[in-house]
Amino acid sequence: MLDLRPVGYVIGLLVASLGLTMLGPLVADLLAGNGHWFVFFESAVITTLTGGLMALACANGVTAGLSLRQTFLLTSLVWLTLPVFGAIPFVLGETEATFTDAFFEAMSGLTTTGATAFGNLQDLPDGLKLWRGVLQWLGGVGIIVVAMVFLPELRVGGMQIFRSEGFETSGKILPRAGEIATQISGIYVALTVACMLAYTATGMGGFDAIVHAMTTVSTGGMANYDRSFATWGAGVHYVAVVFMILAALPFVRFVQMLAGSAQPLVNDKQIHTFLLIIGLSVLLVTSWLWGRGGEMTERAFREALFNVTSIMTGTGYASADYMGWGTFPVVMFFLIGLIGGCAGSTSCSVKVFRYQLLFAAIKSQIRQIHSPHGVFTPRYDGRPISEDVLNSVIAFLVAFILSLGATSVLLGLTGLDFITSVSGAAAALANIGPGLGLEIGPAGNYANINDVAKWILAMAMFVGRLEIMVVLTILSIKFWRN
């Protein structure tokens, strides 16, 4: 029988830790001089005590490592449990949100999706603004550890190709996770501090700089204002672009660079392709805007650069309502949102490396058809790609497309129009944030979406963040058999 105590122990510790992080927003509200701080005091007590009691109840079952089934369960249940407790401050706070809206917001935060169920963001208490940033920041570092430790071990979506990237974890999932988390966390904190200082230097206020540094480095995209980054000028936009790109690169390369080897970072084909796609997309959108406007302006280039980078990295900030730019840029944004950043980053969506593996397989197959007696092995970054990896990638892509279709249909059944259903499904499943159209586009939010649709979108965020196959495995009958 599957022993759930090790899973419950780790989840309990993480829930208790989440409760302790609520002390930050508590202090923010105290400094702001409002009475909202007591909401975070109550939330912290409830969350910390519940997590602590869960960990104590399961402590007698702690083992040196986790089995494969326990690892699948832990990876899934963490991302379902934490949003429940992360929603408490929204329910008790001045938003007086329903549990549906609160859970949607917390799931969006922890999965770094960035979709929001709240309007008039600038009127929220400082504590809730900071809490939204904290949720995204924690979700960002969490998903890097999951991507570098658990997904390669679970052989999900071709991630096993990265098992040799200096992070071998066979048989030692939890101990190795702690070591990797320490290394990555240091880099993550350093990037966040650097981003905060850069924002401050370019004109952003201190509190906004802290919150937006968290949501930038996590590629989460939750902002303190309904106008998102249209609130600030050019300097802040360029800073955001730099840190969104850095956060969408493989963090293992930063670890290797600090260890004295910058060559892997410079030679990484995935990074080259990622930057090339951004560059070409910016060129095309800028040319389109220049053609429409009749003159070559810096603003057109900046808005193209900012919004292309934001969508492709899955951050979801907006510096302009690009729905008014015409059909071509809107289609472009939809497509690059389904590409995403690099594996092992805070970025989301399908990821660049999977397209590279797919195209390598297609190229090899074409050569095989042209020369039937030849032997052609698809390669990635100079290494042969195993059949196991290719099968995982193809399975992931098929599951992604089917999930996108199913989610779109379900959203349509709730009464949403075609554009909102399809773009909302893509934005949630790929963890991008804003969809298309007037309602959930860059100038809108998810506040007026019906409750059933919000639950569907929240589950899509969860499934997308865990790379789909983890959740499908949990749902299979065979998984629960001995």
Protein backbone atom coordinates (compact mmCIF):
# COMPACT_ATOMS: atom_id res chain seq x y z
CA MET A 1 0.00 0.00 0.00
CA LEU A 2 1.24 3.50 -0.82
CA ASP A 3 2.58 5.24 2.30
CA LEU A 4 1.37 8.86 2.24
CA ARG A 5 3.18 9.95 5.41
CA PRO A 6 6.42 11.13 3.73
CA VAL A 7 4.34 13.14 1.26
CA GLY A 8 2.21 14.62 4.05
CA TYR A 9 5.32 15.50 6.05
CA VAL A 10 6.90 17.52 3.24
CA ILE A 11 3.60 19.22 2.36
CA GLY A 12 3.07 20.08 6.04
CA LEU A 13 6.48 21.73 6.24
CA LEU A 14 5.82 23.70 3.07
CA VAL A 15 2.41 24.86 4.31
CA ALA A 16 3.94 25.98 7.61
CA SER A 17 6.67 27.82 5.70
CA LEU A 18 4.00 29.54 3.58
CA GLY A 19 2.38 30.71 6.81
CA LEU A 20 5.62 32.27 7.97
CA THR A 21 5.98 34.21 4.71
CA MET A 22 2.69 35.94 5.55
CA LEU A 23 4.60 37.93 8.16
CA GLY A 24 6.10 40.04 5.34
CA PRO A 25 2.73 41.43 4.15
CA LEU A 26 1.76 41.83 7.82
CA VAL A 27 4.73 44.16 8.33
CA ALA A 28 3.90 45.98 5.07
CA ASP A 29 0.40 46.75 6.35
CA LEU A 30 1.75 47.87 9.72
CA LEU A 31 4.17 50.27 8.02
CA ALA A 32 1.34 51.56 5.82
CA GLY A 33 -0.60 52.37 8.97
CA ASN A 34 -3.77 50.46 8.13
CA GLY A 35 -5.58 47.87 10.18
CA HIS A 36 -5.36 45.23 7.49
CA TRP A 37 -2.32 43.65 9.18
CA PHE A 38 -4.58 41.56 11.43
CA VAL A 39 -5.80 39.66 8.35
CA PHE A 40 -2.29 38.36 7.78
CA PHE A 41 -1.86 37.61 11.47
CA GLU A 42 -4.96 35.40 11.39
CA SER A 43 -3.92 33.82 8.10
CA ALA A 44 -0.39 33.13 9.35
CA VAL A 45 -1.66 31.47 12.53
CA ILE A 46 -4.14 29.25 10.64
CA THR A 47 -1.64 28.25 7.96
CA THR A 48 1.40 27.71 10.20
CA LEU A 49 -0.51 25.67 12.79
CA THR A 50 -2.22 23.51 10.16
CA GLY A 51 1.06 22.83 8.35
CA GLY A 52 2.94 22.18 11.58
CA LEU A 53 0.32 19.72 12.84
CA MET A 54 0.29 17.93 9.47
CA ALA A 55 4.09 17.57 9.57
CA LEU A 56 4.02 16.28 13.16
CA ALA A 57 1.29 13.77 12.35
CA CYS A 58 3.32 12.36 9.46
CA ALA A 59 6.81 12.64 11.02
CA ASN A 60 6.94 8.96 12.01
CA GLY A 61 6.77 7.97 8.37
CA VAL A 62 9.72 10.02 7.12
CA THR A 63 12.20 8.01 5.05
CA ALA A 64 15.55 8.76 3.45
CA GLY A 65 14.01 9.11 0.01
CA LEU A 66 10.75 8.98 -1.92
CA SER A 67 9.52 6.28 -4.23
CA LEU A 68 8.50 7.17 -7.76
CA ARG A 69 4.78 7.14 -6.89
CA GLN A 70 5.36 9.27 -3.78
CA THR A 71 7.31 11.76 -5.88
CA PHE A 72 4.48 12.05 -8.40
CA LEU A 73 2.00 12.60 -5.58
CA LEU A 74 4.19 15.16 -3.80
CA THR A 75 4.78 17.15 -6.98
CA SER A 76 1.05 17.33 -7.68
CA LEU A 77 -0.38 17.81 -4.19
CA VAL A 78 1.99 20.65 -3.30
CA TRP A 79 0.59 22.77 -6.15
CA LEU A 80 -2.97 21.98 -5.09
CA THR A 81 -2.53 22.43 -1.33
CA LEU A 82 -0.54 25.66 -1.19
CA PRO A 83 -3.08 27.71 -3.23
CA VAL A 84 -5.79 26.73 -0.73
CA PHE A 85 -3.84 28.33 2.11
CA GLY A 86 -2.53 31.11 -0.11
CA ALA A 87 -6.15 32.09 -0.74
CA ILE A 88 -6.92 32.76 2.94
CA PRO A 89 -5.69 36.40 3.02
CA PHE A 90 -7.85 37.21 0.00
CA VAL A 91 -10.96 35.75 1.66
CA LEU A 92 -10.34 37.48 5.00
CA GLY A 93 -8.92 40.68 3.51
CA GLU A 94 -10.48 43.86 2.19
CA THR A 95 -11.21 42.25 -1.17
CA GLU A 96 -13.82 40.11 0.61
CA ALA A 97 -13.34 37.71 -2.26
CA THR A 98 -15.32 34.54 -2.69
CA PHE A 99 -13.29 31.39 -2.26
CA THR A 100 -13.48 30.89 -6.03
CA ASP A 101 -11.83 34.25 -6.75
CA ALA A 102 -9.34 33.81 -3.89
CA PHE A 103 -8.30 30.32 -5.03
CA PHE A 104 -8.06 31.51 -8.64
CA GLU A 105 -5.77 34.37 -7.56
CA ALA A 106 -3.60 32.13 -5.37
CA MET A 107 -3.31 29.43 -8.04
CA SER A 108 -2.47 32.09 -10.62
CA GLY A 109 0.19 33.44 -8.29
CA LEU A 110 1.88 30.18 -7.32
CA THR A 111 1.85 28.86 -10.89
CA THR A 112 3.27 32.26 -12.00
CA THR A 113 0.42 32.60 -14.49
CA GLY A 114 -0.38 36.22 -13.62
CA ALA A 115 -4.09 36.21 -14.46
CA THR A 116 -6.05 38.19 -11.88
CA ALA A 117 -9.64 38.02 -10.69
CA PHE A 118 -9.43 41.47 -9.09
CA GLY A 119 -9.94 44.94 -10.52
CA ASN A 120 -8.78 48.31 -9.15
CA LEU A 121 -5.48 46.76 -8.11
CA GLN A 122 -4.02 50.12 -7.11
CA ASP A 123 -6.64 50.35 -4.34
CA LEU A 124 -5.65 47.09 -2.64
CA PRO A 125 -3.93 47.31 0.76
CA ASP A 126 -0.12 47.13 0.57
CA GLY A 127 -0.17 43.76 2.32
CA LEU A 128 -2.28 42.14 -0.39
CA LYS A 129 -0.18 43.69 -3.15
CA LEU A 130 2.93 42.28 -1.52
CA TRP A 131 1.24 38.91 -0.93
CA ARG A 132 0.49 38.58 -4.64
CA GLY A 133 4.16 39.25 -5.33
CA VAL A 134 5.32 36.79 -2.67
CA LEU A 135 3.09 34.03 -4.08
CA GLN A 136 4.59 34.48 -7.53
CA TRP A 137 8.12 34.72 -6.19
CA LEU A 138 7.73 31.47 -4.24
CA GLY A 139 6.10 29.79 -7.22
CA GLY A 140 8.97 30.84 -9.46
CA VAL A 141 11.75 29.35 -7.37
CA GLY A 142 9.58 26.30 -6.67
CA ILE A 143 9.06 25.48 -10.32
CA ILE A 144 12.80 25.74 -11.05
CA VAL A 145 13.52 23.11 -8.41
CA VAL A 146 10.68 20.93 -9.72
CA ALA A 147 11.98 21.29 -13.29
CA MET A 148 15.60 20.51 -12.40
CA VAL A 149 15.04 17.78 -9.80
CA PHE A 150 11.68 16.07 -10.11
CA LEU A 151 10.64 16.25 -13.78
CA PRO A 152 13.89 14.73 -15.15
CA GLU A 153 13.61 11.95 -12.55
CA LEU A 154 9.97 11.36 -13.46
CA ARG A 155 10.87 11.36 -17.17
CA VAL A 156 8.21 13.95 -17.99
CA GLY A 157 7.95 15.57 -21.42
CA GLY A 158 11.54 14.85 -22.44
CA MET A 159 13.01 16.55 -19.35
CA GLN A 160 15.14 13.43 -18.75
CA ILE A 161 17.51 14.78 -21.37
CA PHE A 162 18.74 17.21 -18.68
CA ARG A 163 19.54 14.53 -16.09
CA SER A 164 23.24 14.82 -16.92
CA GLU A 165 23.36 18.62 -16.51
CA GLY A 166 25.32 18.34 -13.27
CA PHE A 167 22.22 17.41 -11.28
CA GLU A 168 22.04 13.62 -11.16
CA THR A 169 19.33 12.68 -8.68
CA SER A 170 18.76 8.95 -9.01
CA GLY A 171 17.67 7.46 -5.71
CA LYS A 172 18.35 10.67 -3.77
CA ILE A 173 15.48 12.93 -4.71
CA LEU A 174 14.97 14.87 -1.49
CA PRO A 175 18.61 15.26 -0.36
CA ARG A 176 19.68 16.39 -3.83
CA ALA A 177 16.67 18.70 -4.02
CA GLY A 178 17.87 20.52 -0.92
CA GLU A 179 21.34 21.01 -2.37
CA ILE A 180 20.04 22.24 -5.71
CA ALA A 181 17.44 24.47 -4.07
CA THR A 182 20.17 26.17 -2.05
CA GLN A 183 22.26 26.94 -5.12
CA ILE A 184 19.34 28.11 -7.20
CA SER A 185 17.79 30.14 -4.40
CA GLY A 186 20.97 32.18 -3.98
CA ILE A 187 20.97 33.11 -7.66
CA TYR A 188 17.22 33.75 -7.58
CA VAL A 189 17.54 36.13 -4.62
CA ALA A 190 20.48 37.94 -6.23
CA LEU A 191 18.53 38.48 -9.46
CA THR A 192 15.54 39.75 -7.48
CA VAL A 193 17.63 42.26 -5.53
CA ALA A 194 19.38 43.44 -8.71
CA CYS A 195 16.02 43.87 -10.44
CA MET A 196 14.62 45.82 -7.48
CA LEU A 197 17.61 48.19 -7.45
CA ALA A 198 17.37 48.69 -11.22
CA TYR A 199 13.67 49.50 -10.99
CA THR A 200 14.33 52.00 -8.22
CA ALA A 201 17.14 53.63 -10.22
CA THR A 202 14.83 54.12 -13.24
CA GLY A 203 12.01 55.83 -11.36
CA MET A 204 9.87 53.18 -9.73
CA GLY A 205 8.92 53.70 -6.07
CA GLY A 206 10.50 51.52 -3.41
CA PHE A 207 7.46 49.39 -2.54
CA ASP A 208 6.49 48.92 -6.20
CA ALA A 209 10.09 48.00 -7.00
CA ILE A 210 10.05 45.21 -4.40
CA VAL A 211 6.76 43.73 -5.60
CA HIS A 212 7.52 44.02 -9.30
CA ALA A 213 11.03 42.62 -8.89
CA MET A 214 9.38 39.52 -7.41
CA THR A 215 6.86 39.21 -10.21
CA THR A 216 9.47 39.91 -12.91
CA VAL A 217 12.13 37.41 -11.85
CA SER A 218 9.42 34.78 -11.35
CA THR A 219 8.04 35.67 -14.83
CA GLY A 220 4.70 35.90 -13.05
CA GLY A 221 3.45 39.28 -14.21
CA MET A 222 1.11 40.36 -11.44
CA ALA A 223 1.26 44.16 -11.20
CA ASN A 224 0.14 46.67 -8.59
CA TYR A 225 -1.86 48.68 -11.12
CA ASP A 226 -4.62 47.92 -13.61
CA ARG A 227 -2.51 49.64 -16.29
CA SER A 228 0.36 47.25 -15.58
CA PHE A 229 3.65 48.66 -16.93
CA ALA A 230 1.95 51.43 -18.87
CA THR A 231 2.18 53.19 -15.49
CA TRP A 232 5.93 53.81 -16.04
CA GLY A 233 8.23 55.09 -18.74
CA ALA A 234 11.02 53.82 -20.98
CA GLY A 235 13.71 53.16 -18.36
CA VAL A 236 11.51 50.80 -16.33
CA HIS A 237 10.42 49.00 -19.50
CA TYR A 238 13.97 48.25 -20.60
CA VAL A 239 14.92 47.03 -17.11
CA ALA A 240 11.92 44.69 -17.14
CA VAL A 241 12.93 43.28 -20.54
CA VAL A 242 16.45 42.46 -19.31
CA PHE A 243 15.28 40.62 -16.20
CA MET A 244 12.40 38.82 -17.94
CA ILE A 245 14.94 37.40 -20.40
CA LEU A 246 17.41 36.46 -17.64
CA ALA A 247 14.64 34.70 -15.70
CA ALA A 248 13.64 32.73 -18.80
CA LEU A 249 17.15 31.24 -19.20
CA PRO A 250 18.15 27.87 -17.65
CA PHE A 251 19.21 28.56 -14.05
CA VAL A 252 21.58 25.59 -14.19
CA ARG A 253 23.71 27.71 -16.54
CA PHE A 254 23.97 30.42 -13.90
CA VAL A 255 25.06 27.79 -11.36
CA GLN A 256 27.72 26.54 -13.78
CA MET A 257 28.84 30.09 -14.50
CA LEU A 258 29.32 30.82 -10.80
CA ALA A 259 31.29 27.60 -10.55
CA GLY A 260 33.75 29.11 -13.05
CA SER A 261 32.43 27.85 -16.38
CA ALA A 262 30.61 30.38 -18.57
CA GLN A 263 31.02 28.24 -21.68
CA PRO A 264 27.79 26.23 -21.20
CA LEU A 265 25.80 29.48 -20.98
CA VAL A 266 27.41 30.91 -24.11
CA ASN A 267 27.12 27.70 -26.15
CA ASP A 268 23.61 26.63 -25.15
CA LYS A 269 21.60 26.07 -28.37
CA GLN A 270 18.33 26.45 -26.51
CA ILE A 271 19.33 29.95 -25.39
CA HIS A 272 20.41 30.86 -28.92
CA THR A 273 17.06 29.78 -30.36
CA PHE A 274 15.11 31.52 -27.61
CA LEU A 275 16.89 34.83 -28.20
CA LEU A 276 16.59 34.42 -31.98
CA ILE A 277 12.81 33.97 -31.77
CA ILE A 278 12.47 37.04 -29.57
CA GLY A 279 14.67 39.06 -31.91
CA LEU A 280 12.76 38.07 -35.06
CA SER A 281 9.38 38.60 -33.38
CA VAL A 282 10.38 42.08 -32.18
CA LEU A 283 11.63 42.93 -35.68
CA LEU A 284 8.36 41.84 -37.29
CA VAL A 285 6.08 43.57 -34.78
CA THR A 286 8.19 46.76 -34.82
CA SER A 287 8.10 46.84 -38.63
CA TRP A 288 4.33 46.39 -38.51
CA LEU A 289 3.91 49.26 -36.03
CA TRP A 290 6.22 51.53 -38.02
CA GLY A 291 4.24 50.74 -41.17
CA ARG A 292 0.94 51.52 -39.47
CA GLY A 293 2.21 54.70 -37.82
CA GLY A 294 4.05 56.00 -40.86
CA GLU A 295 7.25 56.78 -38.93
CA MET A 296 10.05 54.96 -37.14
CA THR A 297 9.75 55.79 -33.43
CA GLU A 298 11.57 54.50 -30.34
CA ARG A 299 8.25 54.00 -28.59
CA ALA A 300 7.02 51.55 -31.22
CA PHE A 301 10.25 49.55 -30.89
CA ARG A 302 10.07 49.61 -27.09
CA GLU A 303 6.45 48.51 -26.94
CA ALA A 304 7.13 45.70 -29.41
CA LEU A 305 10.22 44.59 -27.44
CA PHE A 306 8.50 44.76 -24.07
CA ASN A 307 5.28 42.98 -25.01
CA VAL A 308 6.93 40.31 -27.17
CA THR A 309 9.35 39.50 -24.34
CA SER A 310 6.55 39.54 -21.77
CA ILE A 311 4.34 37.12 -23.69
CA MET A 312 7.06 34.71 -24.81
CA THR A 313 8.54 34.41 -21.33
CA GLY A 314 5.04 33.95 -19.94
CA THR A 315 5.34 36.98 -17.68
CA GLY A 316 2.17 38.63 -18.90
CA TYR A 317 2.95 42.29 -18.22
CA ALA A 318 1.60 44.82 -20.73
CA SER A 319 2.88 48.29 -21.57
CA ALA A 320 0.09 48.90 -24.10
CA ASP A 321 -3.19 47.41 -25.26
CA TYR A 322 -1.83 45.44 -28.20
CA MET A 323 -5.36 44.33 -29.13
CA GLY A 324 -5.55 47.66 -30.98
CA TRP A 325 -2.42 46.99 -33.04
CA GLY A 326 -4.17 44.92 -35.68
CA THR A 327 -4.55 41.24 -36.51
CA PHE A 328 -0.91 40.36 -37.25
CA PRO A 329 0.60 41.27 -33.84
CA VAL A 330 -2.29 39.57 -32.01
CA VAL A 331 -1.72 36.33 -33.93
CA MET A 332 2.02 36.68 -33.34
CA PHE A 333 1.52 37.05 -29.57
CA PHE A 334 -0.76 34.01 -29.48
CA LEU A 335 1.83 31.86 -31.26
CA ILE A 336 4.93 32.92 -29.32
CA GLY A 337 2.99 32.43 -26.10
CA LEU A 338 2.79 28.75 -27.02
CA ILE A 339 6.59 28.56 -27.37
CA GLY A 340 7.74 29.84 -24.00
CA GLY A 341 11.22 30.16 -22.52
CA CYS A 342 13.97 27.67 -21.70
CA ALA A 343 13.73 24.50 -19.62
CA GLY A 344 14.90 24.92 -16.03
CA SER A 345 13.79 28.56 -15.84
CA THR A 346 10.83 30.29 -14.22
CA SER A 347 9.28 30.55 -17.68
CA CYS A 348 6.37 28.44 -18.83
CA SER A 349 4.52 26.99 -21.83
CA VAL A 350 5.87 24.22 -24.12
CA LYS A 351 9.53 25.36 -23.88
CA VAL A 352 12.00 25.95 -26.69
CA PHE A 353 13.92 22.68 -26.29
CA ARG A 354 10.86 20.55 -27.10
CA TYR A 355 10.42 22.29 -30.45
CA GLN A 356 14.13 21.79 -31.10
CA LEU A 357 13.84 18.07 -30.38
CA LEU A 358 10.74 17.81 -32.57
CA PHE A 359 12.38 19.60 -35.50
CA ALA A 360 15.51 17.44 -35.09
CA ALA A 361 13.32 14.33 -35.35
CA ILE A 362 11.49 15.72 -38.40
CA LYS A 363 14.79 16.59 -40.09
CA SER A 364 16.13 13.09 -39.43
CA GLN A 365 12.95 11.52 -40.80
CA ILE A 366 13.11 13.61 -43.99
CA ARG A 367 16.72 12.55 -44.54
CA GLN A 368 15.72 8.93 -43.92
CA ILE A 369 13.00 9.17 -46.57
CA HIS A 370 15.47 10.75 -49.01
CA SER A 371 18.12 8.08 -48.31
CA PRO A 372 16.29 4.90 -47.17
CA HIS A 373 19.50 2.93 -46.58
CA GLY A 374 21.20 5.63 -44.50
CA VAL A 375 21.30 5.76 -40.71
CA PHE A 376 20.30 9.15 -39.36
CA THR A 377 20.13 9.85 -35.64
CA PRO A 378 18.47 13.05 -34.43
CA ARG A 379 20.73 15.10 -32.20
CA TYR A 380 20.26 17.82 -29.62
CA ASP A 381 23.18 20.06 -28.72
CA GLY A 382 25.56 17.55 -30.30
CA ARG A 383 24.17 14.56 -28.39
CA PRO A 384 22.06 11.77 -29.92
CA ILE A 385 18.42 11.89 -28.85
CA SER A 386 17.15 8.60 -27.45
CA GLU A 387 13.84 7.14 -28.55
CA ASP A 388 12.63 7.43 -24.96
CA VAL A 389 13.15 11.21 -24.99
CA LEU A 390 11.48 11.66 -28.38
CA ASN A 391 8.48 9.60 -27.32
CA SER A 392 8.15 11.71 -24.16
CA VAL A 393 8.27 14.94 -26.13
CA ILE A 394 5.71 13.78 -28.69
CA ALA A 395 3.43 12.53 -25.91
CA PHE A 396 3.71 15.88 -24.15
CA LEU A 397 2.92 17.88 -27.29
CA VAL A 398 -0.09 15.70 -28.11
CA ALA A 399 -1.33 15.96 -24.51
CA PHE A 400 -0.83 19.74 -24.60
CA ILE A 401 -2.85 20.15 -27.80
CA LEU A 402 -5.63 17.85 -26.55
CA SER A 403 -5.72 19.67 -23.20
CA LEU A 404 -5.91 23.00 -24.98
CA GLY A 405 -8.80 21.78 -27.10
CA ALA A 406 -10.65 20.22 -24.16
CA THR A 407 -10.22 23.32 -21.98
CA SER A 408 -11.43 25.57 -24.81
CA VAL A 409 -14.55 23.43 -25.28
CA LEU A 410 -15.29 23.40 -21.53
CA LEU A 411 -14.92 27.18 -21.35
CA GLY A 412 -17.20 27.55 -24.35
CA LEU A 413 -19.83 25.44 -22.58
CA THR A 414 -19.84 27.96 -19.71
CA GLY A 415 -20.99 30.66 -22.13
CA LEU A 416 -17.69 32.34 -23.07
CA ASP A 417 -17.21 33.40 -26.68
CA PHE A 418 -14.77 31.65 -29.03
CA ILE A 419 -11.85 34.09 -28.73
CA THR A 420 -12.12 34.26 -24.94
CA SER A 421 -12.42 30.47 -24.64
CA VAL A 422 -9.45 29.60 -26.86
CA SER A 423 -7.13 32.39 -25.72
CA GLY A 424 -8.12 31.90 -22.06
CA ALA A 425 -7.38 28.18 -22.31
CA ALA A 426 -3.99 28.91 -23.90
CA ALA A 427 -3.18 31.64 -21.36
CA ALA A 428 -3.99 29.35 -18.43
CA LEU A 429 -2.50 26.10 -19.75
CA ALA A 430 0.69 27.87 -20.88
CA ASN A 431 0.71 30.02 -17.69
CA ILE A 432 0.90 33.27 -19.66
CA GLY A 433 -1.78 35.32 -17.90
CA PRO A 434 -3.59 37.69 -20.26
CA GLY A 435 -5.66 36.26 -23.08
CA LEU A 436 -7.16 38.00 -26.09
CA GLY A 437 -10.24 40.15 -26.48
CA LEU A 438 -11.71 43.00 -24.47
CA GLU A 439 -12.57 40.95 -21.40
CA ILE A 440 -9.36 39.03 -20.60
CA GLY A 441 -6.95 40.86 -22.92
CA PRO A 442 -4.04 43.07 -21.82
CA ALA A 443 -6.42 45.87 -20.82
CA GLY A 444 -8.84 43.58 -18.97
CA ASN A 445 -8.89 40.91 -16.25
CA TYR A 446 -10.74 37.75 -15.25
CA ALA A 447 -13.01 39.41 -12.66
CA ASN A 448 -16.20 39.10 -14.71
CA ILE A 449 -15.64 35.52 -15.87
CA ASN A 450 -18.23 33.14 -14.40
CA ASP A 451 -17.22 30.95 -11.44
CA VAL A 452 -17.30 27.65 -13.34
CA ALA A 453 -14.93 29.07 -15.95
CA LYS A 454 -12.61 30.31 -13.18
CA TRP A 455 -12.36 26.80 -11.72
CA ILE A 456 -11.66 25.36 -15.16
CA LEU A 457 -8.95 27.97 -15.74
CA ALA A 458 -7.44 27.41 -12.29
CA MET A 459 -7.18 23.67 -12.97
CA ALA A 460 -5.67 24.41 -16.39
CA MET A 461 -3.01 26.56 -14.68
CA PHE A 462 -2.25 23.67 -12.32
CA VAL A 463 -2.06 21.10 -15.12
CA GLY A 464 0.07 23.36 -17.33
CA ARG A 465 2.54 24.27 -14.60
CA LEU A 466 3.14 20.58 -13.83
CA GLU A 467 3.82 19.84 -17.51
CA ILE A 468 0.51 17.96 -17.98
CA MET A 469 1.94 14.42 -17.91
CA VAL A 470 2.45 14.45 -14.13
CA VAL A 471 -1.26 15.06 -13.56
CA LEU A 472 -2.34 12.55 -16.23
CA THR A 473 -0.17 9.91 -14.56
CA ILE A 474 -1.80 10.55 -11.19
CA LEU A 475 -5.24 10.18 -12.76
CA SER A 476 -4.46 6.79 -14.32
CA ILE A 477 -5.82 3.64 -12.63
CA LYS A 478 -2.51 1.82 -13.06
CA PHE A 479 -0.76 4.42 -10.89
CA TRP A 480 -2.80 3.34 -7.84
CA ARG A 481 -2.21 -0.38 -8.27
CA ASN A 482 0.58 -1.98 -6.24
